Amino acid sequence: MKRKKLRKKIESLREQIKEHEEKIEAERKKSFPHEGCIAHWEREIMTFEKQIEKAMKKLEE
């Protein structure tokens, strides 16, 4: 993958992480937060972070 695409992918993943963190925060503010949704978004954040790590390693090559 080209460097420009890798940088764009990293940027996109960071944006998705931010969006998911906002969703989690909004859900936790509810009277009865849906823990299933929160857990799902947290797992996705972990996946995004792993993808960022891999992309960063490729950029360093």
N, C-alpha and C. Protein backbone atom coordinates (compact mmCIF):
# COMPACT_ATOMS: atom_id res chain seq x y z
N MET A 1 0.85 -1.17 0.00
CA MET A 1 0.00 0.00 0.00
C MET A 1 0.90 1.24 0.00
N LYS A 2 0.51 2.23 -0.75
CA LYS A 2 1.31 3.44 -0.84
C LYS A 2 1.22 4.25 0.45
N ARG A 3 2.25 5.04 0.67
CA ARG A 3 2.33 5.83 1.90
C ARG A 3 1.14 6.77 2.07
N LYS A 4 0.73 7.38 0.97
CA LYS A 4 -0.40 8.32 1.04
C LYS A 4 -1.67 7.60 1.48
N LYS A 5 -1.89 6.41 0.93
CA LYS A 5 -3.06 5.63 1.30
C LYS A 5 -2.99 5.20 2.76
N LEU A 6 -1.80 4.83 3.20
CA LEU A 6 -1.63 4.43 4.60
C LEU A 6 -1.96 5.58 5.54
N ARG A 7 -1.46 6.76 5.20
CA ARG A 7 -1.74 7.93 6.04
C ARG A 7 -3.23 8.23 6.07
N LYS A 8 -3.87 8.12 4.92
CA LYS A 8 -5.30 8.37 4.83
C LYS A 8 -6.08 7.33 5.65
N LYS A 9 -5.63 6.08 5.58
CA LYS A 9 -6.28 5.02 6.35
C LYS A 9 -6.15 5.29 7.85
N ILE A 10 -4.96 5.68 8.28
CA ILE A 10 -4.73 5.98 9.69
C ILE A 10 -5.64 7.13 10.14
N GLU A 11 -5.71 8.16 9.33
CA GLU A 11 -6.56 9.31 9.65
C GLU A 11 -8.03 8.88 9.77
N SER A 12 -8.47 8.07 8.84
CA SER A 12 -9.85 7.59 8.85
C SER A 12 -10.13 6.75 10.10
N LEU A 13 -9.21 5.89 10.45
CA LEU A 13 -9.39 5.05 11.64
C LEU A 13 -9.44 5.90 12.91
N ARG A 14 -8.62 6.92 12.96
CA ARG A 14 -8.64 7.82 14.13
C ARG A 14 -9.98 8.55 14.23
N GLU A 15 -10.52 8.93 13.09
CA GLU A 15 -11.84 9.58 13.09
C GLU A 15 -12.92 8.61 13.57
N GLN A 16 -12.82 7.36 13.14
CA GLN A 16 -13.79 6.36 13.57
C GLN A 16 -13.70 6.12 15.08
N ILE A 17 -12.48 6.11 15.59
CA ILE A 17 -12.29 5.94 17.03
C ILE A 17 -12.97 7.09 17.78
N LYS A 18 -12.75 8.29 17.29
CA LYS A 18 -13.35 9.46 17.93
C LYS A 18 -14.88 9.37 17.91
N GLU A 19 -15.43 8.97 16.77
CA GLU A 19 -16.88 8.83 16.65
C GLU A 19 -17.41 7.78 17.64
N HIS A 20 -16.71 6.67 17.74
CA HIS A 20 -17.14 5.61 18.65
C HIS A 20 -17.04 6.06 20.11
N GLU A 21 -15.99 6.80 20.43
CA GLU A 21 -15.86 7.31 21.80
C GLU A 21 -17.02 8.25 22.13
N GLU A 22 -17.43 9.06 21.15
CA GLU A 22 -18.56 9.95 21.36
C GLU A 22 -19.86 9.17 21.55
N LYS A 23 -20.02 8.10 20.77
CA LYS A 23 -21.20 7.24 20.91
C LYS A 23 -21.24 6.61 22.31
N ILE A 24 -20.09 6.14 22.76
CA ILE A 24 -20.01 5.51 24.08
C ILE A 24 -20.37 6.52 25.16
N GLU A 25 -19.81 7.71 25.05
CA GLU A 25 -20.08 8.75 26.04
C GLU A 25 -21.57 9.10 26.07
N ALA A 26 -22.17 9.24 24.89
CA ALA A 26 -23.60 9.57 24.81
C ALA A 26 -24.45 8.44 25.40
N GLU A 27 -24.07 7.22 25.10
CA GLU A 27 -24.83 6.07 25.59
C GLU A 27 -24.74 5.97 27.11
N ARG A 28 -23.58 6.24 27.66
CA ARG A 28 -23.40 6.15 29.12
C ARG A 28 -24.18 7.23 29.87
N LYS A 29 -24.50 8.31 29.19
CA LYS A 29 -25.26 9.39 29.83
C LYS A 29 -26.75 9.06 29.94
N LYS A 30 -27.19 8.06 29.21
CA LYS A 30 -28.60 7.67 29.24
C LYS A 30 -28.95 7.04 30.59
N SER A 31 -30.23 7.08 30.91
CA SER A 31 -30.71 6.48 32.16
C SER A 31 -30.41 4.99 32.21
N PHE A 32 -30.64 4.34 31.09
CA PHE A 32 -30.39 2.90 31.00
C PHE A 32 -29.51 2.62 29.79
N PRO A 33 -28.20 2.81 29.94
CA PRO A 33 -27.31 2.60 28.79
C PRO A 33 -27.32 1.15 28.33
N HIS A 34 -27.23 0.98 27.04
CA HIS A 34 -27.21 -0.36 26.43
C HIS A 34 -25.77 -0.86 26.46
N GLU A 35 -25.49 -1.72 27.43
CA GLU A 35 -24.12 -2.20 27.62
C GLU A 35 -23.61 -3.01 26.43
N GLY A 36 -24.52 -3.66 25.72
CA GLY A 36 -24.12 -4.43 24.54
C GLY A 36 -23.53 -3.53 23.46
N CYS A 37 -24.16 -2.40 23.25
CA CYS A 37 -23.65 -1.43 22.26
C CYS A 37 -22.30 -0.89 22.70
N ILE A 38 -22.20 -0.55 23.96
CA ILE A 38 -20.94 0.00 24.48
C ILE A 38 -19.81 -1.01 24.30
N ALA A 39 -20.07 -2.25 24.65
CA ALA A 39 -19.05 -3.30 24.51
C ALA A 39 -18.65 -3.48 23.05
N HIS A 40 -19.63 -3.43 22.17
CA HIS A 40 -19.36 -3.57 20.73
C HIS A 40 -18.46 -2.45 20.24
N TRP A 41 -18.80 -1.22 20.60
CA TRP A 41 -18.00 -0.07 20.16
C TRP A 41 -16.59 -0.12 20.75
N GLU A 42 -16.47 -0.58 21.98
CA GLU A 42 -15.14 -0.70 22.60
C GLU A 42 -14.29 -1.74 21.87
N ARG A 43 -14.92 -2.85 21.47
CA ARG A 43 -14.19 -3.86 20.70
C ARG A 43 -13.76 -3.30 19.35
N GLU A 44 -14.63 -2.54 18.72
CA GLU A 44 -14.28 -1.94 17.43
C GLU A 44 -13.12 -0.96 17.59
N ILE A 45 -13.12 -0.19 18.66
CA ILE A 45 -12.02 0.74 18.92
C ILE A 45 -10.70 -0.03 19.03
N MET A 46 -10.72 -1.15 19.75
CA MET A 46 -9.50 -1.95 19.88
C MET A 46 -9.03 -2.45 18.51
N THR A 47 -9.98 -2.86 17.68
CA THR A 47 -9.64 -3.33 16.34
C THR A 47 -9.04 -2.19 15.52
N PHE A 48 -9.64 -1.02 15.60
CA PHE A 48 -9.12 0.14 14.87
C PHE A 48 -7.70 0.47 15.33
N GLU A 49 -7.47 0.40 16.63
CA GLU A 49 -6.14 0.70 17.16
C GLU A 49 -5.10 -0.30 16.64
N LYS A 50 -5.47 -1.56 16.55
CA LYS A 50 -4.56 -2.57 16.01
C LYS A 50 -4.27 -2.29 14.54
N GLN A 51 -5.29 -1.88 13.81
CA GLN A 51 -5.10 -1.56 12.39
C GLN A 51 -4.18 -0.35 12.23
N ILE A 52 -4.31 0.62 13.12
CA ILE A 52 -3.44 1.79 13.09
C ILE A 52 -1.99 1.36 13.34
N GLU A 53 -1.79 0.50 14.33
CA GLU A 53 -0.44 0.01 14.63
C GLU A 53 0.18 -0.66 13.41
N LYS A 54 -0.58 -1.52 12.74
CA LYS A 54 -0.07 -2.21 11.56
C LYS A 54 0.28 -1.22 10.45
N ALA A 55 -0.59 -0.25 10.25
CA ALA A 55 -0.35 0.75 9.20
C ALA A 55 0.88 1.59 9.54
N MET A 56 1.05 1.92 10.81
CA MET A 56 2.22 2.70 11.22
C MET A 56 3.51 1.91 10.98
N LYS A 57 3.48 0.63 11.26
CA LYS A 57 4.66 -0.21 11.02
C LYS A 57 5.00 -0.24 9.53
N LYS A 58 3.97 -0.32 8.69
CA LYS A 58 4.21 -0.33 7.25
C LYS A 58 4.79 1.00 6.79
N LEU A 59 4.36 2.08 7.41
CA LEU A 59 4.90 3.40 7.06
C LEU A 59 6.38 3.50 7.41
N GLU A 60 6.77 2.84 8.48
CA GLU A 60 8.16 2.90 8.93
C GLU A 60 9.09 2.07 8.06
N GLU A 61 8.54 1.16 7.29
CA GLU A 61 9.37 0.28 6.45
C GLU A 61 10.01 1.05 5.31
